[in-house]
PDB file of N, CA and C in Angstrom:
ATOM      1  N   UNK A   1      20.055 -10.304 -12.629  1.00  0.00           N
ATOM      2  CA  UNK A   1      21.057  -9.618 -11.862  1.00  0.00           C
ATOM      3  C   UNK A   1      22.183 -10.602 -11.559  1.00  0.00           C
ATOM      4  N   UNK A   2      23.371 -10.124 -11.646  1.00  0.00           N
ATOM      5  CA  UNK A   2      24.535 -10.952 -11.342  1.00  0.00           C
ATOM      6  C   UNK A   2      25.055 -10.554  -9.972  1.00  0.00           C
ATOM      7  N   UNK A   3      25.286 -11.520  -9.112  1.00  0.00           N
ATOM      8  CA  UNK A   3      25.799 -11.234  -7.783  1.00  0.00           C
ATOM      9  C   UNK A   3      24.703 -10.801  -6.829  1.00  0.00           C
ATOM     10  N   UNK A   4      25.112 -10.489  -5.611  1.00  0.00           N
ATOM     11  CA  UNK A   4      24.173 -10.058  -4.583  1.00  0.00           C
ATOM     12  C   UNK A   4      23.739  -8.620  -4.829  1.00  0.00           C
ATOM     13  N   UNK A   5      22.471  -8.297  -4.478  1.00  0.00           N
ATOM     14  CA  UNK A   5      22.036  -6.907  -4.622  1.00  0.00           C
ATOM     15  C   UNK A   5      22.633  -6.030  -3.538  1.00  0.00           C
ATOM     16  N   UNK A   6      22.794  -4.765  -3.857  1.00  0.00           N
ATOM     17  CA  UNK A   6      23.317  -3.781  -2.911  1.00  0.00           C
ATOM     18  C   UNK A   6      22.259  -2.693  -2.770  1.00  0.00           C
ATOM     19  N   UNK A   7      21.843  -2.409  -1.542  1.00  0.00           N
ATOM     20  CA  UNK A   7      20.835  -1.390  -1.285  1.00  0.00           C
ATOM     21  C   UNK A   7      21.455  -0.003  -1.439  1.00  0.00           C
ATOM     22  N   UNK A   8      20.707   0.901  -2.056  1.00  0.00           N
ATOM     23  CA  UNK A   8      21.159   2.275  -2.234  1.00  0.00           C
ATOM     24  C   UNK A   8      20.291   3.156  -1.351  1.00  0.00           C
ATOM     25  N   UNK A   9      20.860   3.653  -0.244  1.00  0.00           N
ATOM     26  CA  UNK A   9      20.087   4.416   0.728  1.00  0.00           C
ATOM     27  C   UNK A   9      19.939   5.890   0.362  1.00  0.00           C
ATOM     28  N   UNK A  10      20.938   6.460  -0.266  1.00  0.00           N
ATOM     29  CA  UNK A  10      20.903   7.899  -0.547  1.00  0.00           C
ATOM     30  C   UNK A  10      20.458   8.181  -1.979  1.00  0.00           C
ATOM     31  N   UNK A  11      19.595   7.324  -2.492  1.00  0.00           N
ATOM     32  CA  UNK A  11      19.201   7.413  -3.895  1.00  0.00           C
ATOM     33  C   UNK A  11      18.365   8.636  -4.200  1.00  0.00           C
ATOM     34  N   UNK A  12      17.460   9.012  -3.333  1.00  0.00           N
ATOM     35  CA  UNK A  12      16.463  10.017  -3.671  1.00  0.00           C
ATOM     36  C   UNK A  12      16.061  10.768  -2.409  1.00  0.00           C
ATOM     37  N   UNK A  13      15.488  11.959  -2.561  1.00  0.00           N
ATOM     38  CA  UNK A  13      15.015  12.730  -1.407  1.00  0.00           C
ATOM     39  C   UNK A  13      13.957  11.961  -0.628  1.00  0.00           C
ATOM     40  N   UNK A  14      13.042  11.323  -1.342  1.00  0.00           N
ATOM     41  CA  UNK A  14      12.025  10.489  -0.705  1.00  0.00           C
ATOM     42  C   UNK A  14      12.561   9.063  -0.671  1.00  0.00           C
ATOM     43  N   UNK A  15      12.235   8.326   0.380  1.00  0.00           N
ATOM     44  CA  UNK A  15      12.730   6.941   0.449  1.00  0.00           C
ATOM     45  C   UNK A  15      12.242   6.109  -0.735  1.00  0.00           C
ATOM     46  N   UNK A  16      13.152   5.475  -1.407  1.00  0.00           N
ATOM     47  CA  UNK A  16      12.845   4.586  -2.526  1.00  0.00           C
ATOM     48  C   UNK A  16      13.672   3.327  -2.352  1.00  0.00           C
ATOM     49  N   UNK A  17      13.109   2.212  -2.711  1.00  0.00           N
ATOM     50  CA  UNK A  17      13.868   0.968  -2.622  1.00  0.00           C
ATOM     51  C   UNK A  17      14.556   0.738  -3.965  1.00  0.00           C
ATOM     52  N   UNK A  18      15.857   0.669  -3.921  1.00  0.00           N
ATOM     53  CA  UNK A  18      16.644   0.482  -5.134  1.00  0.00           C
ATOM     54  C   UNK A  18      17.802  -0.433  -4.819  1.00  0.00           C
ATOM     55  N   UNK A  19      17.976  -1.427  -5.646  1.00  0.00           N
ATOM     56  CA  UNK A  19      19.092  -2.349  -5.490  1.00  0.00           C
ATOM     57  C   UNK A  19      19.841  -2.436  -6.805  1.00  0.00           C
ATOM     58  N   UNK A  20      21.146  -2.444  -6.724  1.00  0.00           N
ATOM     59  CA  UNK A  20      21.981  -2.686  -7.893  1.00  0.00           C
ATOM     60  C   UNK A  20      22.935  -3.824  -7.550  1.00  0.00           C
ATOM     61  N   UNK A  21      23.588  -4.357  -8.540  1.00  0.00           N
ATOM     62  CA  UNK A  21      24.517  -5.458  -8.308  1.00  0.00           C
ATOM     63  C   UNK A  21      25.689  -5.024  -7.443  1.00  0.00           C
ATOM     64  N   UNK A  22      25.924  -5.752  -6.357  1.00  0.00           N
ATOM     65  CA  UNK A  22      27.013  -5.419  -5.437  1.00  0.00           C
ATOM     66  C   UNK A  22      28.381  -5.642  -6.074  1.00  0.00           C
ATOM     67  N   UNK A  23      28.427  -6.437  -7.131  1.00  0.00           N
ATOM     68  CA  UNK A  23      29.693  -6.741  -7.785  1.00  0.00           C
ATOM     69  C   UNK A  23      30.095  -5.714  -8.848  1.00  0.00           C
ATOM     70  N   UNK A  24      29.253  -4.699  -9.058  1.00  0.00           N
ATOM     71  CA  UNK A  24      29.597  -3.691 -10.060  1.00  0.00           C
ATOM     72  C   UNK A  24      30.819  -2.902  -9.618  1.00  0.00           C
ATOM     73  N   UNK A  25      31.678  -2.561 -10.555  1.00  0.00           N
ATOM     74  CA  UNK A  25      32.793  -1.675 -10.217  1.00  0.00           C
ATOM     75  C   UNK A  25      32.244  -0.339  -9.699  1.00  0.00           C
ATOM     76  N   UNK A  26      32.964   0.289  -8.772  1.00  0.00           N
ATOM     77  CA  UNK A  26      32.499   1.515  -8.124  1.00  0.00           C
ATOM     78  C   UNK A  26      32.113   2.600  -9.119  1.00  0.00           C
ATOM     79  N   UNK A  27      32.929   2.831 -10.139  1.00  0.00           N
ATOM     80  CA  UNK A  27      32.625   3.893 -11.104  1.00  0.00           C
ATOM     81  C   UNK A  27      31.364   3.574 -11.902  1.00  0.00           C
ATOM     82  N   UNK A  28      31.160   2.317 -12.240  1.00  0.00           N
ATOM     83  CA  UNK A  28      29.964   1.914 -12.976  1.00  0.00           C
ATOM     84  C   UNK A  28      28.722   2.050 -12.091  1.00  0.00           C
ATOM     85  N   UNK A  29      28.824   1.659 -10.830  1.00  0.00           N
ATOM     86  CA  UNK A  29      27.707   1.798  -9.893  1.00  0.00           C
ATOM     87  C   UNK A  29      27.329   3.269  -9.722  1.00  0.00           C
ATOM     88  N   UNK A  30      28.323   4.136  -9.591  1.00  0.00           N
ATOM     89  CA  UNK A  30      28.058   5.572  -9.459  1.00  0.00           C
ATOM     90  C   UNK A  30      27.362   6.116 -10.702  1.00  0.00           C
ATOM     91  N   UNK A  31      27.801   5.680 -11.887  1.00  0.00           N
ATOM     92  CA  UNK A  31      27.173   6.126 -13.137  1.00  0.00           C
ATOM     93  C   UNK A  31      25.705   5.696 -13.196  1.00  0.00           C
ATOM     94  N   UNK A  32      25.421   4.468 -12.799  1.00  0.00           N
ATOM     95  CA  UNK A  32      24.049   3.964 -12.821  1.00  0.00           C
ATOM     96  C   UNK A  32      23.184   4.729 -11.821  1.00  0.00           C
ATOM     97  N   UNK A  33      23.700   4.940 -10.618  1.00  0.00           N
ATOM     98  CA  UNK A  33      22.957   5.679  -9.591  1.00  0.00           C
ATOM     99  C   UNK A  33      22.671   7.101 -10.057  1.00  0.00           C
ATOM    100  N   UNK A  34      23.661   7.761 -10.642  1.00  0.00           N
ATOM    101  CA  UNK A  34      23.462   9.125 -11.144  1.00  0.00           C
ATOM    102  C   UNK A  34      22.429   9.158 -12.259  1.00  0.00           C
ATOM    103  N   UNK A  35      22.466   8.182 -13.138  1.00  0.00           N
ATOM    104  CA  UNK A  35      21.487   8.116 -14.223  1.00  0.00           C
ATOM    105  C   UNK A  35      20.080   7.949 -13.656  1.00  0.00           C
ATOM    106  N   UNK A  36      19.928   7.052 -12.697  1.00  0.00           N
ATOM    107  CA  UNK A  36      18.617   6.830 -12.092  1.00  0.00           C
ATOM    108  C   UNK A  36      18.131   8.062 -11.333  1.00  0.00           C
ATOM    109  N   UNK A  37      19.046   8.767 -10.670  1.00  0.00           N
ATOM    110  CA  UNK A  37      18.668  10.010  -9.989  1.00  0.00           C
ATOM    111  C   UNK A  37      18.199  11.051 -11.003  1.00  0.00           C
ATOM    112  N   UNK A  38      18.936  11.187 -12.085  1.00  0.00           N
ATOM    113  CA  UNK A  38      18.604  12.187 -13.098  1.00  0.00           C
ATOM    114  C   UNK A  38      17.233  11.936 -13.733  1.00  0.00           C
ATOM    115  N   UNK A  39      16.856  10.677 -13.863  1.00  0.00           N
ATOM    116  CA  UNK A  39      15.609  10.331 -14.541  1.00  0.00           C
ATOM    117  C   UNK A  39      14.575   9.721 -13.590  1.00  0.00           C
ATOM    118  N   UNK A  40      14.691  10.005 -12.289  1.00  0.00           N
ATOM    119  CA  UNK A  40      13.793   9.388 -11.305  1.00  0.00           C
ATOM    120  C   UNK A  40      12.328   9.741 -11.531  1.00  0.00           C
ATOM    121  N   UNK A  41      12.063  10.869 -12.189  1.00  0.00           N
ATOM    122  CA  UNK A  41      10.677  11.276 -12.399  1.00  0.00           C
ATOM    123  C   UNK A  41       9.963  10.443 -13.467  1.00  0.00           C
ATOM    124  N   UNK A  42      10.685   9.624 -14.230  1.00  0.00           N
ATOM    125  CA  UNK A  42      10.022   8.825 -15.255  1.00  0.00           C
ATOM    126  C   UNK A  42       9.730   7.394 -14.803  1.00  0.00           C
ATOM    127  N   UNK A  43      10.160   7.027 -13.588  1.00  0.00           N
ATOM    128  CA  UNK A  43       9.931   5.682 -13.083  1.00  0.00           C
ATOM    129  C   UNK A  43       8.669   5.647 -12.228  1.00  0.00           C
ATOM    130  N   UNK A  44       7.928   4.554 -12.315  1.00  0.00           N
ATOM    131  CA  UNK A  44       6.796   4.320 -11.422  1.00  0.00           C
ATOM    132  C   UNK A  44       7.325   3.564 -10.219  1.00  0.00           C
ATOM    133  N   UNK A  45       7.062   4.104  -9.027  1.00  0.00           N
ATOM    134  CA  UNK A  45       7.610   3.526  -7.815  1.00  0.00           C
ATOM    135  C   UNK A  45       6.581   2.752  -7.002  1.00  0.00           C
ATOM    136  N   UNK A  46       5.305   3.056  -7.193  1.00  0.00           N
ATOM    137  CA  UNK A  46       4.250   2.371  -6.444  1.00  0.00           C
ATOM    138  C   UNK A  46       3.146   1.973  -7.397  1.00  0.00           C
ATOM    139  N   UNK A  47       2.246   1.108  -6.929  1.00  0.00           N
ATOM    140  CA  UNK A  47       1.104   0.725  -7.750  1.00  0.00           C
ATOM    141  C   UNK A  47       0.207   1.928  -8.007  1.00  0.00           C
ATOM    142  N   UNK A  48       0.179   2.890  -7.078  1.00  0.00           N
ATOM    143  CA  UNK A  48      -0.612   4.107  -7.269  1.00  0.00           C
ATOM    144  C   UNK A  48      -0.106   4.916  -8.456  1.00  0.00           C
ATOM    145  N   UNK A  49       1.176   4.774  -8.794  1.00  0.00           N
ATOM    146  CA  UNK A  49       1.754   5.476  -9.939  1.00  0.00           C
ATOM    147  C   UNK A  49       1.346   4.840 -11.264  1.00  0.00           C
ATOM    148  N   UNK A  50       0.704   3.682 -11.195  1.00  0.00           N
ATOM    149  CA  UNK A  50       0.364   2.913 -12.400  1.00  0.00           C
ATOM    150  C   UNK A  50      -1.128   2.602 -12.429  1.00  0.00           C
ATOM    151  N   UNK A  51      -1.974   3.619 -12.598  1.00  0.00           N
ATOM    152  CA  UNK A  51      -3.414   3.392 -12.490  1.00  0.00           C
ATOM    153  C   UNK A  51      -3.986   2.423 -13.523  1.00  0.00           C
ATOM    154  N   UNK A  52      -3.374   2.248 -14.645  1.00  0.00           N
ATOM    155  CA  UNK A  52      -3.897   1.355 -15.668  1.00  0.00           C
ATOM    156  C   UNK A  52      -3.387  -0.071 -15.569  1.00  0.00           C
ATOM    157  N   UNK A  53      -2.654  -0.378 -14.514  1.00  0.00           N
ATOM    158  CA  UNK A  53      -2.061  -1.697 -14.363  1.00  0.00           C
ATOM    159  C   UNK A  53      -3.136  -2.755 -14.138  1.00  0.00           C
ATOM    160  N   UNK A  54      -3.065  -3.831 -14.872  1.00  0.00           N
ATOM    161  CA  UNK A  54      -4.006  -4.936 -14.746  1.00  0.00           C
ATOM    162  C   UNK A  54      -3.717  -5.687 -13.450  1.00  0.00           C
ATOM    163  N   UNK A  55      -4.677  -5.706 -12.540  1.00  0.00           N
ATOM    164  CA  UNK A  55      -4.458  -6.316 -11.229  1.00  0.00           C
ATOM    165  C   UNK A  55      -4.202  -7.815 -11.308  1.00  0.00           C
ATOM    166  N   UNK A  56      -4.575  -8.440 -12.396  1.00  0.00           N
ATOM    167  CA  UNK A  56      -4.351  -9.885 -12.504  1.00  0.00           C
ATOM    168  C   UNK A  56      -2.871 -10.226 -12.632  1.00  0.00           C
ATOM    169  N   UNK A  57      -2.046  -9.253 -12.974  1.00  0.00           N
ATOM    170  CA  UNK A  57      -0.619  -9.549 -13.083  1.00  0.00           C
ATOM    171  C   UNK A  57       0.166  -9.138 -11.841  1.00  0.00           C
ATOM    172  N   UNK A  58      -0.483  -8.461 -10.891  1.00  0.00           N
ATOM    173  CA  UNK A  58       0.231  -8.048  -9.686  1.00  0.00           C
ATOM    174  C   UNK A  58      -0.351  -8.629  -8.405  1.00  0.00           C
ATOM    175  N   UNK A  59      -1.468  -9.320  -8.492  1.00  0.00           N
ATOM    176  CA  UNK A  59      -2.070  -9.928  -7.319  1.00  0.00           C
ATOM    177  C   UNK A  59      -1.750 -11.415  -7.291  1.00  0.00           C
ATOM    178  N   UNK A  60      -1.538 -11.911  -6.093  1.00  0.00           N
ATOM    179  CA  UNK A  60      -1.242 -13.328  -5.917  1.00  0.00           C
ATOM    180  C   UNK A  60      -2.448 -14.020  -5.315  1.00  0.00           C
ATOM    181  N   UNK A  61      -2.707 -15.224  -5.739  1.00  0.00           N
ATOM    182  CA  UNK A  61      -3.796 -16.013  -5.194  1.00  0.00           C
ATOM    183  C   UNK A  61      -3.198 -17.305  -4.671  1.00  0.00           C
ATOM    184  N   UNK A  62      -3.485 -17.576  -3.407  1.00  0.00           N
ATOM    185  CA  UNK A  62      -2.985 -18.811  -2.796  1.00  0.00           C
ATOM    186  C   UNK A  62      -4.176 -19.716  -2.567  1.00  0.00           C
ATOM    187  N   UNK A  63      -4.214 -20.786  -3.304  1.00  0.00           N
ATOM    188  CA  UNK A  63      -5.321 -21.725  -3.189  1.00  0.00           C
ATOM    189  C   UNK A  63      -5.040 -22.676  -2.035  1.00  0.00           C
ATOM    190  N   UNK A  64      -6.001 -22.774  -1.121  1.00  0.00           N
ATOM    191  CA  UNK A  64      -5.869 -23.685   0.013  1.00  0.00           C
ATOM    192  C   UNK A  64      -7.113 -24.566   0.099  1.00  0.00           C
ATOM    193  N   UNK A  65      -7.066 -25.537   0.952  1.00  0.00           N
ATOM    194  CA  UNK A  65      -8.206 -26.418   1.144  1.00  0.00           C
ATOM    195  C   UNK A  65      -9.325 -25.713   1.907  1.00  0.00           C
ATOM    196  N   UNK A  66     -10.570 -26.208   1.821  1.00  0.00           N
ATOM    197  CA  UNK A  66     -11.706 -25.552   2.462  1.00  0.00           C
ATOM    198  C   UNK A  66     -11.628 -25.539   4.000  1.00  0.00           C
ATOM    199  N   UNK A  67     -10.819 -26.406   4.579  1.00  0.00           N
ATOM    200  CA  UNK A  67     -10.703 -26.472   6.027  1.00  0.00           C
ATOM    201  C   UNK A  67      -9.492 -25.690   6.563  1.00  0.00           C
ATOM    202  N   UNK A  68      -8.760 -25.037   5.699  1.00  0.00           N
ATOM    203  CA  UNK A  68      -7.562 -24.298   6.109  1.00  0.00           C
ATOM    204  C   UNK A  68      -7.977 -22.892   6.531  1.00  0.00           C
ATOM    205  N   UNK A  69      -7.542 -22.512   7.736  1.00  0.00           N
ATOM    206  CA  UNK A  69      -7.831 -21.180   8.266  1.00  0.00           C
ATOM    207  C   UNK A  69      -6.588 -20.306   8.124  1.00  0.00           C
ATOM    208  N   UNK A  70      -6.726 -19.139   7.523  1.00  0.00           N
ATOM    209  CA  UNK A  70      -5.566 -18.245   7.407  1.00  0.00           C
ATOM    210  C   UNK A  70      -5.097 -17.811   8.787  1.00  0.00           C
ATOM    211  N   UNK A  71      -3.800 -17.653   8.938  1.00  0.00           N
ATOM    212  CA  UNK A  71      -3.257 -17.207  10.220  1.00  0.00           C
ATOM    213  C   UNK A  71      -2.642 -15.841  10.091  1.00  0.00           C
TER     214      UNK A  71
END
């Protein structure tokens, strides 16, 4: 992504987190938002939408010493 992300609040009927480049020209940003709205049903938005996803690529493991207590 080039530039800072810009949050899109009115993207969908249900709350979805979507960011596009804040530096995009207004007409280009509108075109991208409209395209994403038109095809929103083909995107996976949560891990529940992706039942075959290998958990080893989405889970993080933080290795700590045996005397470290999580806070």
